[in-house]
Amino acid sequence: MDDKAYRQALGCFATGVCVVATRTGEAVSGITINSFTSVSLAPRLVLWCLDDRSDRYAAFSEAKVWGLSVLAPDQQEIASRLARQGGHAIEPGETLDGPEGAPLLPGALAHFACRTWKTTTMGDHLVVVGEVVGFDVRTGDGLTYFRGRYGRAPQPEV
């Protein structure tokens, strides 16, 4: 099987775009993901996946607390920046402190402050499961990723 063709096939699944952030000493490290999913309601668990070749592997594989922000379309620039190798620094003032100090991006559609509950290696990725210790949500359009491009999911009309 051709790896490039396989990635193109996976890209046919439209996803939301999130940023996971954690404190590494005085700095905040972030990474853009689209591998976010709910695992359980009781306890409240979510998961995301991290490539074991990521330059942020050490920060997130050792993180005890992290924040996950579900992005809005006007946050595409930070999503692009944090998706690149070497683009992991989140500048002072770019985050809010959530429960337990979890760094969260202002203006996101939803925030999840999490404690690492379990990690496991699957293939070439670390699967990170977090226990949600706090969350919030607002209305608005969502940032999406489909076939290698950013897009917009409109807020459904009620």
C-alpha atoms as a PDB file:
ATOM      1  CA  MET A   1       0.000   0.000   0.000  1.00  0.00           C
ATOM      2  CA  ASP A   2       1.105   3.521  -0.803  1.00  0.00           C
ATOM      3  CA  ASP A   3       1.511   5.675   2.357  1.00  0.00           C
ATOM      4  CA  LYS A   4       0.602   8.903   0.528  1.00  0.00           C
ATOM      5  CA  ALA A   5      -2.603   7.371  -0.875  1.00  0.00           C
ATOM      6  CA  TYR A   6      -3.456   6.039   2.594  1.00  0.00           C
ATOM      7  CA  ARG A   7      -3.055   9.522   4.121  1.00  0.00           C
ATOM      8  CA  GLN A   8      -5.261  10.963   1.360  1.00  0.00           C
ATOM      9  CA  ALA A   9      -7.929   8.388   2.163  1.00  0.00           C
ATOM     10  CA  LEU A  10      -7.783   9.284   5.871  1.00  0.00           C
ATOM     11  CA  GLY A  11      -8.083  12.961   4.914  1.00  0.00           C
ATOM     12  CA  CYS A  12     -11.559  12.269   3.525  1.00  0.00           C
ATOM     13  CA  PHE A  13     -12.848  12.225   7.092  1.00  0.00           C
ATOM     14  CA  ALA A  14     -13.609  15.831   8.067  1.00  0.00           C
ATOM     15  CA  THR A  15     -12.625  16.627  11.639  1.00  0.00           C
ATOM     16  CA  GLY A  16     -12.687  19.471  14.064  1.00  0.00           C
ATOM     17  CA  VAL A  17      -9.410  21.126  14.991  1.00  0.00           C
ATOM     18  CA  CYS A  18      -8.119  21.348  18.555  1.00  0.00           C
ATOM     19  CA  VAL A  19      -5.039  22.571  20.370  1.00  0.00           C
ATOM     20  CA  VAL A  20      -3.685  20.711  23.380  1.00  0.00           C
ATOM     21  CA  ALA A  21      -1.453  22.772  25.677  1.00  0.00           C
ATOM     22  CA  THR A  22       0.590  22.001  28.770  1.00  0.00           C
ATOM     23  CA  ARG A  23       3.026  23.825  30.997  1.00  0.00           C
ATOM     24  CA  THR A  24       6.701  22.918  30.678  1.00  0.00           C
ATOM     25  CA  GLY A  25       8.287  24.871  33.490  1.00  0.00           C
ATOM     26  CA  GLU A  26       7.517  28.542  32.881  1.00  0.00           C
ATOM     27  CA  ALA A  27       6.666  27.991  29.195  1.00  0.00           C
ATOM     28  CA  VAL A  28       3.511  26.656  27.584  1.00  0.00           C
ATOM     29  CA  SER A  29       3.846  24.070  24.831  1.00  0.00           C
ATOM     30  CA  GLY A  30       1.002  23.418  22.396  1.00  0.00           C
ATOM     31  CA  ILE A  31       0.175  21.100  19.536  1.00  0.00           C
ATOM     32  CA  THR A  32      -2.615  21.065  16.965  1.00  0.00           C
ATOM     33  CA  ILE A  33      -4.574  17.823  16.796  1.00  0.00           C
ATOM     34  CA  ASN A  34      -7.590  16.393  15.029  1.00  0.00           C
ATOM     35  CA  SER A  35      -7.548  13.063  16.884  1.00  0.00           C
ATOM     36  CA  PHE A  36      -9.850  14.162  19.713  1.00  0.00           C
ATOM     37  CA  THR A  37     -12.745  12.005  20.895  1.00  0.00           C
ATOM     38  CA  SER A  38     -14.939  11.418  23.900  1.00  0.00           C
ATOM     39  CA  VAL A  39     -14.335   8.089  25.651  1.00  0.00           C
ATOM     40  CA  SER A  40     -16.677   8.026  28.656  1.00  0.00           C
ATOM     41  CA  LEU A  41     -19.276  10.126  30.445  1.00  0.00           C
ATOM     42  CA  ALA A  42     -18.738   8.518  33.868  1.00  0.00           C
ATOM     43  CA  PRO A  43     -15.961   9.167  34.526  1.00  0.00           C
ATOM     44  CA  ARG A  44     -15.598  12.027  32.057  1.00  0.00           C
ATOM     45  CA  LEU A  45     -12.754  10.863  29.801  1.00  0.00           C
ATOM     46  CA  VAL A  46     -11.450  12.151  26.468  1.00  0.00           C
ATOM     47  CA  LEU A  47      -8.525  11.037  24.323  1.00  0.00           C
ATOM     48  CA  TRP A  48      -6.150  12.294  21.686  1.00  0.00           C
ATOM     49  CA  CYS A  49      -3.124  10.842  19.910  1.00  0.00           C
ATOM     50  CA  LEU A  50       0.470  12.068  19.651  1.00  0.00           C
ATOM     51  CA  ASP A  51       2.978  10.951  17.007  1.00  0.00           C
ATOM     52  CA  ASP A  52       6.007   9.429  18.716  1.00  0.00           C
ATOM     53  CA  ARG A  53       8.273  11.447  16.374  1.00  0.00           C
ATOM     54  CA  SER A  54       6.791  14.763  17.510  1.00  0.00           C
ATOM     55  CA  ASP A  55       9.207  17.330  18.893  1.00  0.00           C
ATOM     56  CA  ARG A  56       6.630  17.797  21.689  1.00  0.00           C
ATOM     57  CA  TYR A  57       6.569  14.132  22.684  1.00  0.00           C
ATOM     58  CA  ALA A  58       8.505  14.617  25.928  1.00  0.00           C
ATOM     59  CA  ALA A  59       6.319  17.522  27.078  1.00  0.00           C
ATOM     60  CA  PHE A  60       3.027  15.728  26.523  1.00  0.00           C
ATOM     61  CA  SER A  61       4.052  12.172  27.420  1.00  0.00           C
ATOM     62  CA  GLU A  62       5.076  13.472  30.861  1.00  0.00           C
ATOM     63  CA  ALA A  63       2.262  16.021  31.326  1.00  0.00           C
ATOM     64  CA  LYS A  64       0.044  15.536  34.361  1.00  0.00           C
ATOM     65  CA  VAL A  65      -2.356  18.402  33.492  1.00  0.00           C
ATOM     66  CA  TRP A  66      -3.242  19.782  30.062  1.00  0.00           C
ATOM     67  CA  GLY A  67      -5.904  21.855  28.380  1.00  0.00           C
ATOM     68  CA  LEU A  68      -7.708  21.080  25.146  1.00  0.00           C
ATOM     69  CA  SER A  69      -9.314  23.902  23.146  1.00  0.00           C
ATOM     70  CA  VAL A  70     -11.770  23.210  20.294  1.00  0.00           C
ATOM     71  CA  LEU A  71     -10.995  25.945  17.769  1.00  0.00           C
ATOM     72  CA  ALA A  72     -13.126  28.510  15.954  1.00  0.00           C
ATOM     73  CA  PRO A  73     -12.367  29.572  12.342  1.00  0.00           C
ATOM     74  CA  ASP A  74     -10.601  32.778  13.413  1.00  0.00           C
ATOM     75  CA  GLN A  75      -8.018  30.609  15.207  1.00  0.00           C
ATOM     76  CA  GLN A  76      -6.627  29.053  12.022  1.00  0.00           C
ATOM     77  CA  GLU A  77      -3.313  30.920  12.341  1.00  0.00           C
ATOM     78  CA  ILE A  78      -2.496  29.430  15.746  1.00  0.00           C
ATOM     79  CA  ALA A  79      -3.644  26.001  14.523  1.00  0.00           C
ATOM     80  CA  SER A  80      -1.232  26.236  11.571  1.00  0.00           C
ATOM     81  CA  ARG A  81       1.642  27.465  13.746  1.00  0.00           C
ATOM     82  CA  LEU A  82       1.250  24.733  16.370  1.00  0.00           C
ATOM     83  CA  ALA A  83       0.877  22.023  13.717  1.00  0.00           C
ATOM     84  CA  ARG A  84       4.464  22.521  12.496  1.00  0.00           C
ATOM     85  CA  GLN A  85       7.533  20.867  14.006  1.00  0.00           C
ATOM     86  CA  GLY A  86       9.336  23.541  15.988  1.00  0.00           C
ATOM     87  CA  GLY A  87       6.181  25.666  16.248  1.00  0.00           C
ATOM     88  CA  HIS A  88       5.151  24.598  19.715  1.00  0.00           C
ATOM     89  CA  ALA A  89       5.759  27.681  21.841  1.00  0.00           C
ATOM     90  CA  ILE A  90       2.649  29.485  22.966  1.00  0.00           C
ATOM     91  CA  GLU A  91       3.482  33.075  23.801  1.00  0.00           C
ATOM     92  CA  PRO A  92       2.742  34.614  27.209  1.00  0.00           C
ATOM     93  CA  GLY A  93      -0.780  36.027  27.174  1.00  0.00           C
ATOM     94  CA  GLU A  94      -2.031  33.588  24.504  1.00  0.00           C
ATOM     95  CA  THR A  95      -3.650  31.313  27.106  1.00  0.00           C
ATOM     96  CA  LEU A  96      -6.055  31.455  29.999  1.00  0.00           C
ATOM     97  CA  ASP A  97      -5.574  29.394  33.149  1.00  0.00           C
ATOM     98  CA  GLY A  98      -8.253  26.747  33.471  1.00  0.00           C
ATOM     99  CA  PRO A  99      -8.918  24.422  36.386  1.00  0.00           C
ATOM    100  CA  GLU A 100      -5.700  23.054  37.914  1.00  0.00           C
ATOM    101  CA  GLY A 101      -3.734  25.552  35.791  1.00  0.00           C
ATOM    102  CA  ALA A 102      -4.554  23.864  32.464  1.00  0.00           C
ATOM    103  CA  PRO A 103      -3.627  26.309  29.659  1.00  0.00           C
ATOM    104  CA  LEU A 104      -6.606  27.114  27.401  1.00  0.00           C
ATOM    105  CA  LEU A 105      -6.904  29.311  24.303  1.00  0.00           C
ATOM    106  CA  PRO A 106      -9.304  32.262  24.619  1.00  0.00           C
ATOM    107  CA  GLY A 107     -12.004  32.403  21.948  1.00  0.00           C
ATOM    108  CA  ALA A 108     -12.238  28.631  21.523  1.00  0.00           C
ATOM    109  CA  LEU A 109     -15.649  26.974  21.127  1.00  0.00           C
ATOM    110  CA  ALA A 110     -15.034  24.587  24.007  1.00  0.00           C
ATOM    111  CA  HIS A 111     -12.388  24.045  26.651  1.00  0.00           C
ATOM    112  CA  PHE A 112     -11.527  20.859  28.498  1.00  0.00           C
ATOM    113  CA  ALA A 113      -9.123  20.977  31.446  1.00  0.00           C
ATOM    114  CA  CYS A 114      -7.747  17.471  31.960  1.00  0.00           C
ATOM    115  CA  ARG A 115      -5.562  15.345  34.184  1.00  0.00           C
ATOM    116  CA  THR A 116      -3.740  12.534  32.427  1.00  0.00           C
ATOM    117  CA  TRP A 117      -5.639   9.381  33.323  1.00  0.00           C
ATOM    118  CA  LYS A 118      -3.751   6.851  31.204  1.00  0.00           C
ATOM    119  CA  THR A 119      -1.350   6.660  28.279  1.00  0.00           C
ATOM    120  CA  THR A 120      -0.637   3.726  26.011  1.00  0.00           C
ATOM    121  CA  THR A 121       1.396   3.220  22.873  1.00  0.00           C
ATOM    122  CA  MET A 122      -0.406   2.057  19.742  1.00  0.00           C
ATOM    123  CA  GLY A 123       1.651   1.742  16.589  1.00  0.00           C
ATOM    124  CA  ASP A 124       3.627   4.943  16.102  1.00  0.00           C
ATOM    125  CA  HIS A 125       1.432   7.065  18.400  1.00  0.00           C
ATOM    126  CA  LEU A 126       0.944   7.666  22.099  1.00  0.00           C
ATOM    127  CA  VAL A 127      -2.746   7.548  23.022  1.00  0.00           C
ATOM    128  CA  VAL A 128      -3.405  10.034  25.823  1.00  0.00           C
ATOM    129  CA  VAL A 129      -6.566   9.623  27.881  1.00  0.00           C
ATOM    130  CA  GLY A 130      -7.524  12.506  30.121  1.00  0.00           C
ATOM    131  CA  GLU A 131     -10.005  12.880  32.949  1.00  0.00           C
ATOM    132  CA  VAL A 132     -11.962  16.097  32.432  1.00  0.00           C
ATOM    133  CA  VAL A 133     -11.777  18.238  35.583  1.00  0.00           C
ATOM    134  CA  GLY A 134     -13.470  21.271  34.037  1.00  0.00           C
ATOM    135  CA  PHE A 135     -15.041  22.393  30.778  1.00  0.00           C
ATOM    136  CA  ASP A 136     -16.959  25.234  29.154  1.00  0.00           C
ATOM    137  CA  VAL A 137     -18.657  25.819  25.819  1.00  0.00           C
ATOM    138  CA  ARG A 138     -19.891  28.717  23.666  1.00  0.00           C
ATOM    139  CA  THR A 139     -21.793  29.013  20.396  1.00  0.00           C
ATOM    140  CA  GLY A 140     -20.181  29.749  17.041  1.00  0.00           C
ATOM    141  CA  ASP A 141     -18.797  28.178  13.872  1.00  0.00           C
ATOM    142  CA  GLY A 142     -16.129  25.499  14.158  1.00  0.00           C
ATOM    143  CA  LEU A 143     -12.737  25.183  12.464  1.00  0.00           C
ATOM    144  CA  THR A 144     -12.534  21.990  10.396  1.00  0.00           C
ATOM    145  CA  TYR A 145      -9.866  20.056   8.540  1.00  0.00           C
ATOM    146  CA  PHE A 146     -10.739  18.136   5.363  1.00  0.00           C
ATOM    147  CA  ARG A 147      -8.494  16.830   2.585  1.00  0.00           C
ATOM    148  CA  GLY A 148      -5.519  18.776   3.883  1.00  0.00           C
ATOM    149  CA  ARG A 149      -7.299  22.130   4.122  1.00  0.00           C
ATOM    150  CA  TYR A 150      -8.943  24.180   6.822  1.00  0.00           C
ATOM    151  CA  GLY A 151     -12.635  24.946   6.552  1.00  0.00           C
ATOM    152  CA  ARG A 152     -15.650  25.996   8.565  1.00  0.00           C
ATOM    153  CA  ALA A 153     -18.547  24.099  10.103  1.00  0.00           C
ATOM    154  CA  PRO A 154     -21.407  26.574  10.530  1.00  0.00           C
ATOM    155  CA  GLN A 155     -23.219  26.862  13.835  1.00  0.00           C
ATOM    156  CA  PRO A 156     -26.453  24.879  13.332  1.00  0.00           C
ATOM    157  CA  GLU A 157     -29.621  26.946  13.342  1.00  0.00           C
ATOM    158  CA  VAL A 158     -32.039  26.163  16.140  1.00  0.00           C
END
